[in-house]
C-alpha cells in the first residue's frame, strides 16, 4: 500500500460525503461503503481491513456526520461540506500513512 493508494482511498471516501441543505443549517451525510464496495472500487483487502475493519472507523463516521455541530454558525454549507471531507482525509492519512 503506497501513498497514491491511500490518497485514492480518501478521495473515494470524500466523494461519499454529501451535503443536504436544511432550514436550520446544513446536514452532512456519508454513504458508508460496505466491504464489497471497497472491492468493487479496486481496493486491496489489506486496505479494507486497515480502514473499514479498524476500531477508529466508527469514530470517523460519527465525526463526519457531526461536522455541522462544530462549524461556526455563519459558515456557508459548502464550507461545512469541505470540513466534513477534510475529516476523512485526516483520519485516513494519519492512520494509514
C-alpha atoms as a PDB file:
ATOM      1  CA  UNK A   1       0.000   0.000   0.000  1.00  0.00           C
ATOM      2  CA  UNK A   2       1.574   3.250  -1.093  1.00  0.00           C
ATOM      3  CA  UNK A   3       0.854   6.942  -0.742  1.00  0.00           C
ATOM      4  CA  UNK A   4      -1.075   7.079  -4.037  1.00  0.00           C
ATOM      5  CA  UNK A   5      -3.373   4.238  -2.978  1.00  0.00           C
ATOM      6  CA  UNK A   6      -4.071   5.936   0.344  1.00  0.00           C
ATOM      7  CA  UNK A   7      -4.821   9.181  -1.485  1.00  0.00           C
ATOM      8  CA  UNK A   8      -7.170   7.338  -3.852  1.00  0.00           C
ATOM      9  CA  UNK A   9      -8.942   5.826  -0.835  1.00  0.00           C
ATOM     10  CA  UNK A  10      -9.569   9.098   0.953  1.00  0.00           C
ATOM     11  CA  UNK A  11     -10.639  10.822  -2.257  1.00  0.00           C
ATOM     12  CA  UNK A  12     -13.094   7.986  -2.920  1.00  0.00           C
ATOM     13  CA  UNK A  13     -14.431   8.226   0.630  1.00  0.00           C
ATOM     14  CA  UNK A  14     -14.640  12.015   0.394  1.00  0.00           C
ATOM     15  CA  UNK A  15     -16.870  11.653  -2.674  1.00  0.00           C
ATOM     16  CA  UNK A  16     -19.304   9.718  -0.476  1.00  0.00           C
ATOM     17  CA  UNK A  17     -19.664  12.672   1.919  1.00  0.00           C
ATOM     18  CA  UNK A  18     -22.592  14.792   0.779  1.00  0.00           C
ATOM     19  CA  UNK A  19     -24.400  17.939   1.787  1.00  0.00           C
ATOM     20  CA  UNK A  20     -28.112  18.146   2.369  1.00  0.00           C
ATOM     21  CA  UNK A  21     -29.235  21.720   2.964  1.00  0.00           C
ATOM     22  CA  UNK A  22     -31.863  22.245   5.626  1.00  0.00           C
ATOM     23  CA  UNK A  23     -33.655  25.271   7.050  1.00  0.00           C
ATOM     24  CA  UNK A  24     -31.787  25.026  10.346  1.00  0.00           C
ATOM     25  CA  UNK A  25     -28.339  24.511   8.782  1.00  0.00           C
ATOM     26  CA  UNK A  26     -26.506  22.009   6.625  1.00  0.00           C
ATOM     27  CA  UNK A  27     -26.778  18.288   7.183  1.00  0.00           C
ATOM     28  CA  UNK A  28     -23.838  16.090   6.262  1.00  0.00           C
ATOM     29  CA  UNK A  29     -24.464  12.536   5.095  1.00  0.00           C
ATOM     30  CA  UNK A  30     -21.977   9.758   4.479  1.00  0.00           C
ATOM     31  CA  UNK A  31     -22.763   6.913   2.117  1.00  0.00           C
ATOM     32  CA  UNK A  32     -20.791   4.451   4.197  1.00  0.00           C
ATOM     33  CA  UNK A  33     -19.284   1.785   1.979  1.00  0.00           C
ATOM     34  CA  UNK A  34     -19.679  -1.901   2.674  1.00  0.00           C
ATOM     35  CA  UNK A  35     -16.801  -4.334   2.308  1.00  0.00           C
ATOM     36  CA  UNK A  36     -17.972  -5.221  -1.219  1.00  0.00           C
ATOM     37  CA  UNK A  37     -17.898  -1.551  -2.260  1.00  0.00           C
ATOM     38  CA  UNK A  38     -14.182  -1.397  -1.493  1.00  0.00           C
ATOM     39  CA  UNK A  39     -13.572  -4.434  -3.674  1.00  0.00           C
ATOM     40  CA  UNK A  40     -15.671  -3.041  -6.499  1.00  0.00           C
ATOM     41  CA  UNK A  41     -13.621   0.164  -6.323  1.00  0.00           C
ATOM     42  CA  UNK A  42     -10.448  -1.912  -6.637  1.00  0.00           C
ATOM     43  CA  UNK A  43      -9.012  -1.583  -3.146  1.00  0.00           C
ATOM     44  CA  UNK A  44      -6.865  -4.388  -1.741  1.00  0.00           C
ATOM     45  CA  UNK A  45      -8.145  -6.477   1.153  1.00  0.00           C
ATOM     46  CA  UNK A  46      -5.316  -5.170   3.366  1.00  0.00           C
ATOM     47  CA  UNK A  47      -6.505  -1.599   2.865  1.00  0.00           C
ATOM     48  CA  UNK A  48     -10.099  -2.607   3.602  1.00  0.00           C
ATOM     49  CA  UNK A  49      -9.056  -4.329   6.823  1.00  0.00           C
ATOM     50  CA  UNK A  50      -6.913  -1.373   7.911  1.00  0.00           C
ATOM     51  CA  UNK A  51      -9.744   1.093   7.339  1.00  0.00           C
ATOM     52  CA  UNK A  52     -13.266  -0.353   7.391  1.00  0.00           C
ATOM     53  CA  UNK A  53     -12.191  -3.024   9.875  1.00  0.00           C
ATOM     54  CA  UNK A  54     -10.305  -0.630  12.156  1.00  0.00           C
ATOM     55  CA  UNK A  55     -11.558   0.439  15.591  1.00  0.00           C
ATOM     56  CA  UNK A  56     -11.320   4.129  14.625  1.00  0.00           C
ATOM     57  CA  UNK A  57     -13.703   3.749  11.642  1.00  0.00           C
ATOM     58  CA  UNK A  58     -16.911   4.329  13.676  1.00  0.00           C
ATOM     59  CA  UNK A  59     -15.368   7.407  15.284  1.00  0.00           C
ATOM     60  CA  UNK A  60     -14.545   8.809  11.842  1.00  0.00           C
ATOM     61  CA  UNK A  61     -18.099   8.236  10.610  1.00  0.00           C
ATOM     62  CA  UNK A  62     -19.511   9.982  13.684  1.00  0.00           C
ATOM     63  CA  UNK A  63     -17.124  12.916  13.253  1.00  0.00           C
ATOM     64  CA  UNK A  64     -18.133  13.278   9.597  1.00  0.00           C
ATOM     65  CA  UNK A  65     -21.847  13.376  10.411  1.00  0.00           C
ATOM     66  CA  UNK A  66     -21.360  15.728  13.373  1.00  0.00           C
ATOM     67  CA  UNK A  67     -19.209  18.230  11.452  1.00  0.00           C
ATOM     68  CA  UNK A  68     -22.012  20.857  11.302  1.00  0.00           C
ATOM     69  CA  UNK A  69     -22.119  20.851  15.121  1.00  0.00           C
ATOM     70  CA  UNK A  70     -18.548  22.153  15.209  1.00  0.00           C
ATOM     71  CA  UNK A  71     -18.761  24.666  12.360  1.00  0.00           C
ATOM     72  CA  UNK A  72     -19.265  28.358  13.011  1.00  0.00           C
ATOM     73  CA  UNK A  73     -22.946  29.399  12.830  1.00  0.00           C
ATOM     74  CA  UNK A  74     -22.438  31.551   9.718  1.00  0.00           C
ATOM     75  CA  UNK A  75     -20.272  29.116   7.742  1.00  0.00           C
ATOM     76  CA  UNK A  76     -21.672  28.521   4.255  1.00  0.00           C
ATOM     77  CA  UNK A  77     -22.956  24.966   3.618  1.00  0.00           C
ATOM     78  CA  UNK A  78     -20.248  24.271   1.018  1.00  0.00           C
ATOM     79  CA  UNK A  79     -17.583  25.201   3.558  1.00  0.00           C
ATOM     80  CA  UNK A  80     -19.109  22.810   6.105  1.00  0.00           C
ATOM     81  CA  UNK A  81     -19.044  20.103   3.428  1.00  0.00           C
ATOM     82  CA  UNK A  82     -15.351  20.859   2.917  1.00  0.00           C
ATOM     83  CA  UNK A  83     -14.747  20.481   6.632  1.00  0.00           C
ATOM     84  CA  UNK A  84     -16.501  17.099   6.650  1.00  0.00           C
ATOM     85  CA  UNK A  85     -14.442  15.891   3.703  1.00  0.00           C
ATOM     86  CA  UNK A  86     -11.301  17.079   5.487  1.00  0.00           C
ATOM     87  CA  UNK A  87     -12.260  14.816   8.401  1.00  0.00           C
ATOM     88  CA  UNK A  88     -11.982  11.842   6.047  1.00  0.00           C
ATOM     89  CA  UNK A  89      -8.578  12.913   4.759  1.00  0.00           C
ATOM     90  CA  UNK A  90      -7.200  13.490   8.234  1.00  0.00           C
ATOM     91  CA  UNK A  91      -8.398  10.152   9.612  1.00  0.00           C
ATOM     92  CA  UNK A  92      -7.158   8.133   6.651  1.00  0.00           C
ATOM     93  CA  UNK A  93      -3.856   9.959   6.276  1.00  0.00           C
ATOM     94  CA  UNK A  94      -2.943   9.807   9.965  1.00  0.00           C
ATOM     95  CA  UNK A  95      -3.849   6.158  10.428  1.00  0.00           C
ATOM     96  CA  UNK A  96      -2.749   4.560   7.186  1.00  0.00           C
ATOM     97  CA  UNK A  97       0.300   6.503   6.099  1.00  0.00           C
END
